[in-house]
């Protein structure tokens, strides 16, 4: 077995069956991703639209692509024909653009609202109140070609596991509140995307349903 196969096997052995593994393939070449796909991994996440589009064109169509980085409205059109899930939605205007491009492609696009849970100011994301306002707006003026499937968040980059756990727990609490207030009868609001290579086990303990793991699978980026 290659290192990638070994890494995938090891990680999957630590993840419950109800948790999806998104292999974060940003900055890794197509042949590396293909090796992971051939080893059984079907879900891949990319940060940048241009890189995602170029890789999607070259790799098997069975791959389920997730956009996990910050998304600009003017780039939605490039991924709308094929993207399965957009993790980092942080404004109503972006949702409206995704809806417009999904309609053009006769598709329903799944989205996660990204909440800012870290202490670092550089990370993107909505406050609880901003996310709540978006959901109130969607309740009154639904967008027919998007599906709000859950929440996403990134913890502070720190060795303090107590702080990381606190941030993940806060995001899980936000999820439960939104589920109860807006999606009580909607089973499609079910995903909590949190946890990366260094903290995914804590995230799973706090309720994550999707972990975004790159380095632990592929090693350090090649370019």
C-alpha atoms as a PDB file:
ATOM      1  CA  UNK A   1       0.000   0.000   0.000  1.00  0.00           C
ATOM      2  CA  UNK A   2       1.164   3.539  -0.713  1.00  0.00           C
ATOM      3  CA  UNK A   3       1.427   6.136   2.043  1.00  0.00           C
ATOM      4  CA  UNK A   4      -1.854   7.670   0.880  1.00  0.00           C
ATOM      5  CA  UNK A   5      -3.627   4.320   1.106  1.00  0.00           C
ATOM      6  CA  UNK A   6      -2.139   3.692   4.550  1.00  0.00           C
ATOM      7  CA  UNK A   7      -3.083   7.168   5.739  1.00  0.00           C
ATOM      8  CA  UNK A   8      -6.656   6.820   4.485  1.00  0.00           C
ATOM      9  CA  UNK A   9      -7.052   3.423   6.132  1.00  0.00           C
ATOM     10  CA  UNK A  10      -5.700   4.741   9.429  1.00  0.00           C
ATOM     11  CA  UNK A  11      -7.883   7.855   9.442  1.00  0.00           C
ATOM     12  CA  UNK A  12     -11.030   5.979   8.435  1.00  0.00           C
ATOM     13  CA  UNK A  13     -10.455   3.586  11.335  1.00  0.00           C
ATOM     14  CA  UNK A  14     -10.786   6.560  13.716  1.00  0.00           C
ATOM     15  CA  UNK A  15     -13.916   8.055  12.125  1.00  0.00           C
ATOM     16  CA  UNK A  16     -17.441   6.777  12.893  1.00  0.00           C
ATOM     17  CA  UNK A  17     -19.517   5.597   9.935  1.00  0.00           C
ATOM     18  CA  UNK A  18     -21.856   8.585  10.229  1.00  0.00           C
ATOM     19  CA  UNK A  19     -18.987  11.064   9.718  1.00  0.00           C
ATOM     20  CA  UNK A  20     -17.941  11.933   6.150  1.00  0.00           C
ATOM     21  CA  UNK A  21     -14.262  12.333   5.304  1.00  0.00           C
ATOM     22  CA  UNK A  22     -13.501  15.208   2.931  1.00  0.00           C
ATOM     23  CA  UNK A  23      -9.977  14.759   1.575  1.00  0.00           C
ATOM     24  CA  UNK A  24      -8.587  18.278   1.223  1.00  0.00           C
ATOM     25  CA  UNK A  25      -6.561  18.123  -1.979  1.00  0.00           C
ATOM     26  CA  UNK A  26      -5.644  21.794  -2.428  1.00  0.00           C
ATOM     27  CA  UNK A  27      -2.200  22.328  -3.964  1.00  0.00           C
ATOM     28  CA  UNK A  28      -1.787  18.593  -4.624  1.00  0.00           C
ATOM     29  CA  UNK A  29      -1.491  17.378  -8.233  1.00  0.00           C
ATOM     30  CA  UNK A  30      -4.066  15.369 -10.133  1.00  0.00           C
ATOM     31  CA  UNK A  31      -2.125  12.099  -9.969  1.00  0.00           C
ATOM     32  CA  UNK A  32      -1.991  12.301  -6.166  1.00  0.00           C
ATOM     33  CA  UNK A  33      -5.748  12.826  -5.989  1.00  0.00           C
ATOM     34  CA  UNK A  34      -6.268   9.950  -8.407  1.00  0.00           C
ATOM     35  CA  UNK A  35      -4.301   7.643  -6.108  1.00  0.00           C
ATOM     36  CA  UNK A  36      -6.593   8.564  -3.211  1.00  0.00           C
ATOM     37  CA  UNK A  37      -9.643   8.018  -5.415  1.00  0.00           C
ATOM     38  CA  UNK A  38      -8.379   4.604  -6.489  1.00  0.00           C
ATOM     39  CA  UNK A  39      -7.869   3.797  -2.805  1.00  0.00           C
ATOM     40  CA  UNK A  40     -11.583   4.355  -2.248  1.00  0.00           C
ATOM     41  CA  UNK A  41     -11.877   8.047  -1.329  1.00  0.00           C
ATOM     42  CA  UNK A  42     -14.767   9.683  -3.208  1.00  0.00           C
ATOM     43  CA  UNK A  43     -15.169  13.140  -1.579  1.00  0.00           C
ATOM     44  CA  UNK A  44     -12.548  15.847  -2.157  1.00  0.00           C
ATOM     45  CA  UNK A  45     -12.379  19.462  -1.041  1.00  0.00           C
ATOM     46  CA  UNK A  46     -10.655  22.367  -2.743  1.00  0.00           C
ATOM     47  CA  UNK A  47     -10.100  25.936  -1.533  1.00  0.00           C
ATOM     48  CA  UNK A  48      -9.760  27.822  -4.794  1.00  0.00           C
ATOM     49  CA  UNK A  49     -12.260  27.885  -7.639  1.00  0.00           C
ATOM     50  CA  UNK A  50      -9.700  27.902 -10.485  1.00  0.00           C
ATOM     51  CA  UNK A  51      -7.886  24.886  -9.062  1.00  0.00           C
ATOM     52  CA  UNK A  52     -11.146  23.039  -8.441  1.00  0.00           C
ATOM     53  CA  UNK A  53     -12.394  23.628 -11.989  1.00  0.00           C
ATOM     54  CA  UNK A  54      -9.150  22.472 -13.601  1.00  0.00           C
ATOM     55  CA  UNK A  55      -8.973  19.301 -11.480  1.00  0.00           C
ATOM     56  CA  UNK A  56     -12.638  18.435 -11.959  1.00  0.00           C
ATOM     57  CA  UNK A  57     -12.133  18.443 -15.719  1.00  0.00           C
ATOM     58  CA  UNK A  58      -9.297  15.917 -15.501  1.00  0.00           C
ATOM     59  CA  UNK A  59     -10.487  13.529 -12.801  1.00  0.00           C
ATOM     60  CA  UNK A  60     -13.228  10.850 -12.660  1.00  0.00           C
ATOM     61  CA  UNK A  61     -16.765  12.212 -12.750  1.00  0.00           C
ATOM     62  CA  UNK A  62     -17.708   9.995  -9.794  1.00  0.00           C
ATOM     63  CA  UNK A  63     -15.802  12.326  -7.477  1.00  0.00           C
ATOM     64  CA  UNK A  64     -17.977  14.467  -5.204  1.00  0.00           C
ATOM     65  CA  UNK A  65     -16.395  17.917  -5.118  1.00  0.00           C
ATOM     66  CA  UNK A  66     -16.719  20.318  -2.181  1.00  0.00           C
ATOM     67  CA  UNK A  67     -15.615  23.967  -2.224  1.00  0.00           C
ATOM     68  CA  UNK A  68     -14.284  24.596   1.276  1.00  0.00           C
ATOM     69  CA  UNK A  69     -12.534  27.951   0.851  1.00  0.00           C
ATOM     70  CA  UNK A  70     -13.816  31.492   0.697  1.00  0.00           C
ATOM     71  CA  UNK A  71     -16.006  31.967  -2.374  1.00  0.00           C
ATOM     72  CA  UNK A  72     -16.394  35.228  -4.297  1.00  0.00           C
ATOM     73  CA  UNK A  73     -19.739  35.816  -5.996  1.00  0.00           C
ATOM     74  CA  UNK A  74     -18.172  36.408  -9.407  1.00  0.00           C
ATOM     75  CA  UNK A  75     -16.667  32.889  -9.390  1.00  0.00           C
ATOM     76  CA  UNK A  76     -19.801  30.916  -8.517  1.00  0.00           C
ATOM     77  CA  UNK A  77     -20.665  30.398 -12.186  1.00  0.00           C
ATOM     78  CA  UNK A  78     -17.542  28.311 -12.756  1.00  0.00           C
ATOM     79  CA  UNK A  79     -18.406  25.645 -10.174  1.00  0.00           C
ATOM     80  CA  UNK A  80     -22.218  25.752 -10.362  1.00  0.00           C
ATOM     81  CA  UNK A  81     -22.447  23.003 -13.027  1.00  0.00           C
ATOM     82  CA  UNK A  82     -20.904  20.340 -10.795  1.00  0.00           C
ATOM     83  CA  UNK A  83     -20.105  21.332  -7.183  1.00  0.00           C
ATOM     84  CA  UNK A  84     -21.835  19.113  -4.616  1.00  0.00           C
ATOM     85  CA  UNK A  85     -21.454  21.264  -1.485  1.00  0.00           C
ATOM     86  CA  UNK A  86     -20.226  24.795  -0.799  1.00  0.00           C
ATOM     87  CA  UNK A  87     -18.954  24.960   2.785  1.00  0.00           C
ATOM     88  CA  UNK A  88     -18.081  28.601   3.289  1.00  0.00           C
ATOM     89  CA  UNK A  89     -21.197  30.663   2.598  1.00  0.00           C
ATOM     90  CA  UNK A  90     -20.960  33.883   4.586  1.00  0.00           C
ATOM     91  CA  UNK A  91     -23.561  36.262   3.151  1.00  0.00           C
ATOM     92  CA  UNK A  92     -27.111  36.396   1.839  1.00  0.00           C
ATOM     93  CA  UNK A  93     -25.903  37.981  -1.407  1.00  0.00           C
ATOM     94  CA  UNK A  94     -23.609  34.999  -2.018  1.00  0.00           C
ATOM     95  CA  UNK A  95     -26.533  32.623  -1.457  1.00  0.00           C
ATOM     96  CA  UNK A  96     -28.593  34.598  -3.945  1.00  0.00           C
ATOM     97  CA  UNK A  97     -25.814  34.339  -6.534  1.00  0.00           C
ATOM     98  CA  UNK A  98     -25.453  30.591  -5.954  1.00  0.00           C
ATOM     99  CA  UNK A  99     -29.217  30.231  -6.371  1.00  0.00           C
ATOM    100  CA  UNK A 100     -29.149  32.166  -9.660  1.00  0.00           C
ATOM    101  CA  UNK A 101     -26.302  30.061 -11.069  1.00  0.00           C
ATOM    102  CA  UNK A 102     -27.892  26.814  -9.841  1.00  0.00           C
ATOM    103  CA  UNK A 103     -31.099  27.767 -11.662  1.00  0.00           C
ATOM    104  CA  UNK A 104     -29.161  28.366 -14.889  1.00  0.00           C
ATOM    105  CA  UNK A 105     -27.748  24.845 -14.584  1.00  0.00           C
ATOM    106  CA  UNK A 106     -31.065  23.288 -13.541  1.00  0.00           C
ATOM    107  CA  UNK A 107     -29.490  22.129 -10.286  1.00  0.00           C
ATOM    108  CA  UNK A 108     -29.996  22.218  -6.534  1.00  0.00           C
ATOM    109  CA  UNK A 109     -26.765  23.249  -4.793  1.00  0.00           C
ATOM    110  CA  UNK A 110     -26.127  22.345  -1.175  1.00  0.00           C
ATOM    111  CA  UNK A 111     -24.650  25.063   1.049  1.00  0.00           C
ATOM    112  CA  UNK A 112     -23.334  25.397   4.579  1.00  0.00           C
ATOM    113  CA  UNK A 113     -23.374  28.676   6.474  1.00  0.00           C
ATOM    114  CA  UNK A 114     -19.896  29.428   7.804  1.00  0.00           C
ATOM    115  CA  UNK A 115     -19.833  30.801  11.340  1.00  0.00           C
ATOM    116  CA  UNK A 116     -16.844  32.640  12.762  1.00  0.00           C
ATOM    117  CA  UNK A 117     -15.932  30.648  15.885  1.00  0.00           C
ATOM    118  CA  UNK A 118     -12.178  31.298  16.168  1.00  0.00           C
ATOM    119  CA  UNK A 119     -10.329  34.073  17.968  1.00  0.00           C
ATOM    120  CA  UNK A 120      -8.347  34.862  14.811  1.00  0.00           C
ATOM    121  CA  UNK A 121      -9.776  37.834  12.980  1.00  0.00           C
ATOM    122  CA  UNK A 122      -8.395  36.623   9.655  1.00  0.00           C
ATOM    123  CA  UNK A 123     -10.894  33.771   9.381  1.00  0.00           C
ATOM    124  CA  UNK A 124     -14.133  34.362   7.493  1.00  0.00           C
ATOM    125  CA  UNK A 125     -17.584  33.657   8.834  1.00  0.00           C
ATOM    126  CA  UNK A 126     -20.874  34.951  10.169  1.00  0.00           C
ATOM    127  CA  UNK A 127     -21.799  35.755  13.721  1.00  0.00           C
ATOM    128  CA  UNK A 128     -24.700  33.813  15.228  1.00  0.00           C
ATOM    129  CA  UNK A 129     -26.934  36.848  14.759  1.00  0.00           C
ATOM    130  CA  UNK A 130     -25.944  37.334  11.121  1.00  0.00           C
ATOM    131  CA  UNK A 131     -26.634  33.678  10.337  1.00  0.00           C
ATOM    132  CA  UNK A 132     -29.957  33.912  12.145  1.00  0.00           C
ATOM    133  CA  UNK A 133     -30.908  36.958  10.066  1.00  0.00           C
ATOM    134  CA  UNK A 134     -30.091  35.082   6.848  1.00  0.00           C
ATOM    135  CA  UNK A 135     -32.267  32.146   7.893  1.00  0.00           C
ATOM    136  CA  UNK A 136     -35.117  34.507   8.812  1.00  0.00           C
ATOM    137  CA  UNK A 137     -34.800  36.100   5.385  1.00  0.00           C
ATOM    138  CA  UNK A 138     -34.839  32.719   3.636  1.00  0.00           C
ATOM    139  CA  UNK A 139     -37.900  31.689   5.609  1.00  0.00           C
ATOM    140  CA  UNK A 140     -39.751  34.718   4.260  1.00  0.00           C
ATOM    141  CA  UNK A 141     -38.184  34.710   0.773  1.00  0.00           C
ATOM    142  CA  UNK A 142     -37.065  31.168  -0.082  1.00  0.00           C
ATOM    143  CA  UNK A 143     -34.409  30.482  -2.705  1.00  0.00           C
ATOM    144  CA  UNK A 144     -35.596  27.482  -4.720  1.00  0.00           C
ATOM    145  CA  UNK A 145     -32.267  26.189  -6.067  1.00  0.00           C
ATOM    146  CA  UNK A 146     -30.165  26.113  -2.917  1.00  0.00           C
ATOM    147  CA  UNK A 147     -30.395  23.853   0.094  1.00  0.00           C
ATOM    148  CA  UNK A 148     -29.050  24.946   3.485  1.00  0.00           C
ATOM    149  CA  UNK A 149     -27.583  21.658   4.660  1.00  0.00           C
ATOM    150  CA  UNK A 150     -25.922  22.785   7.890  1.00  0.00           C
ATOM    151  CA  UNK A 151     -23.059  24.813   9.341  1.00  0.00           C
ATOM    152  CA  UNK A 152     -19.292  25.019   8.949  1.00  0.00           C
ATOM    153  CA  UNK A 153     -16.611  26.491  11.186  1.00  0.00           C
ATOM    154  CA  UNK A 154     -12.856  26.641  11.727  1.00  0.00           C
ATOM    155  CA  UNK A 155     -11.378  26.597  15.216  1.00  0.00           C
ATOM    156  CA  UNK A 156      -8.481  28.789  16.315  1.00  0.00           C
ATOM    157  CA  UNK A 157      -5.070  27.483  15.228  1.00  0.00           C
ATOM    158  CA  UNK A 158      -3.720  26.677  18.681  1.00  0.00           C
ATOM    159  CA  UNK A 159      -2.362  23.819  20.774  1.00  0.00           C
ATOM    160  CA  UNK A 160      -4.935  24.664  23.461  1.00  0.00           C
ATOM    161  CA  UNK A 161      -7.342  21.754  23.062  1.00  0.00           C
ATOM    162  CA  UNK A 162      -9.676  23.162  25.702  1.00  0.00           C
ATOM    163  CA  UNK A 163     -10.200  26.289  23.596  1.00  0.00           C
ATOM    164  CA  UNK A 164     -10.651  24.256  20.397  1.00  0.00           C
ATOM    165  CA  UNK A 165     -13.241  22.064  22.101  1.00  0.00           C
ATOM    166  CA  UNK A 166     -15.069  25.138  23.399  1.00  0.00           C
ATOM    167  CA  UNK A 167     -15.256  26.617  19.898  1.00  0.00           C
ATOM    168  CA  UNK A 168     -16.525  23.380  18.365  1.00  0.00           C
ATOM    169  CA  UNK A 169     -19.089  23.009  21.141  1.00  0.00           C
ATOM    170  CA  UNK A 170     -20.305  26.542  20.482  1.00  0.00           C
ATOM    171  CA  UNK A 171     -20.782  25.743  16.784  1.00  0.00           C
ATOM    172  CA  UNK A 172     -22.663  22.550  17.685  1.00  0.00           C
ATOM    173  CA  UNK A 173     -24.914  24.576  19.989  1.00  0.00           C
ATOM    174  CA  UNK A 174     -25.610  27.039  17.162  1.00  0.00           C
ATOM    175  CA  UNK A 175     -26.497  24.107  14.914  1.00  0.00           C
ATOM    176  CA  UNK A 176     -28.970  22.739  17.471  1.00  0.00           C
ATOM    177  CA  UNK A 177     -30.566  26.163  17.911  1.00  0.00           C
ATOM    178  CA  UNK A 178     -30.987  26.718  14.171  1.00  0.00           C
ATOM    179  CA  UNK A 179     -32.250  23.182  13.699  1.00  0.00           C
ATOM    180  CA  UNK A 180     -34.914  23.738  16.323  1.00  0.00           C
ATOM    181  CA  UNK A 181     -35.878  27.232  15.162  1.00  0.00           C
ATOM    182  CA  UNK A 182     -35.779  26.837  11.358  1.00  0.00           C
ATOM    183  CA  UNK A 183     -35.409  23.185  10.326  1.00  0.00           C
ATOM    184  CA  UNK A 184     -37.292  21.166  12.924  1.00  0.00           C
ATOM    185  CA  UNK A 185     -39.184  19.244  10.228  1.00  0.00           C
ATOM    186  CA  UNK A 186     -36.432  19.369   7.602  1.00  0.00           C
ATOM    187  CA  UNK A 187     -34.038  16.383   7.642  1.00  0.00           C
ATOM    188  CA  UNK A 188     -31.805  18.017   5.027  1.00  0.00           C
ATOM    189  CA  UNK A 189     -30.322  20.391   7.625  1.00  0.00           C
ATOM    190  CA  UNK A 190     -27.989  17.775   9.083  1.00  0.00           C
ATOM    191  CA  UNK A 191     -24.326  18.593   8.424  1.00  0.00           C
ATOM    192  CA  UNK A 192     -21.807  20.078  10.831  1.00  0.00           C
ATOM    193  CA  UNK A 193     -18.500  20.570   9.015  1.00  0.00           C
ATOM    194  CA  UNK A 194     -15.764  21.062  11.577  1.00  0.00           C
ATOM    195  CA  UNK A 195     -12.405  19.492  12.267  1.00  0.00           C
ATOM    196  CA  UNK A 196      -9.152  19.270  10.302  1.00  0.00           C
ATOM    197  CA  UNK A 197      -6.000  17.140  10.518  1.00  0.00           C
ATOM    198  CA  UNK A 198      -4.925  18.423  13.944  1.00  0.00           C
ATOM    199  CA  UNK A 199      -8.298  18.603  15.673  1.00  0.00           C
ATOM    200  CA  UNK A 200     -10.783  16.334  13.889  1.00  0.00           C
ATOM    201  CA  UNK A 201     -11.076  13.868  16.757  1.00  0.00           C
ATOM    202  CA  UNK A 202     -12.166  16.650  19.115  1.00  0.00           C
ATOM    203  CA  UNK A 203     -14.609  17.866  16.456  1.00  0.00           C
ATOM    204  CA  UNK A 204     -16.138  14.394  16.140  1.00  0.00           C
ATOM    205  CA  UNK A 205     -16.558  14.192  19.902  1.00  0.00           C
ATOM    206  CA  UNK A 206     -18.434  17.506  19.734  1.00  0.00           C
ATOM    207  CA  UNK A 207     -20.805  16.384  16.974  1.00  0.00           C
ATOM    208  CA  UNK A 208     -19.070  16.924  13.627  1.00  0.00           C
ATOM    209  CA  UNK A 209     -20.588  15.056  10.677  1.00  0.00           C
ATOM    210  CA  UNK A 210     -17.863  16.127   8.202  1.00  0.00           C
ATOM    211  CA  UNK A 211     -14.119  16.400   8.772  1.00  0.00           C
ATOM    212  CA  UNK A 212     -11.831  18.190   6.324  1.00  0.00           C
ATOM    213  CA  UNK A 213      -8.459  16.425   6.325  1.00  0.00           C
ATOM    214  CA  UNK A 214      -5.557  17.179   4.006  1.00  0.00           C
ATOM    215  CA  UNK A 215      -2.090  16.945   5.534  1.00  0.00           C
ATOM    216  CA  UNK A 216      -2.783  13.716   7.434  1.00  0.00           C
ATOM    217  CA  UNK A 217      -3.730  12.058   4.124  1.00  0.00           C
ATOM    218  CA  UNK A 218      -1.471  13.639   1.512  1.00  0.00           C
ATOM    219  CA  UNK A 219       1.425  14.944   3.584  1.00  0.00           C
ATOM    220  CA  UNK A 220       2.763  18.450   3.126  1.00  0.00           C
ATOM    221  CA  UNK A 221       1.702  20.322   0.006  1.00  0.00           C
ATOM    222  CA  UNK A 222       3.853  19.795  -3.036  1.00  0.00           C
ATOM    223  CA  UNK A 223       3.547  23.342  -4.406  1.00  0.00           C
END
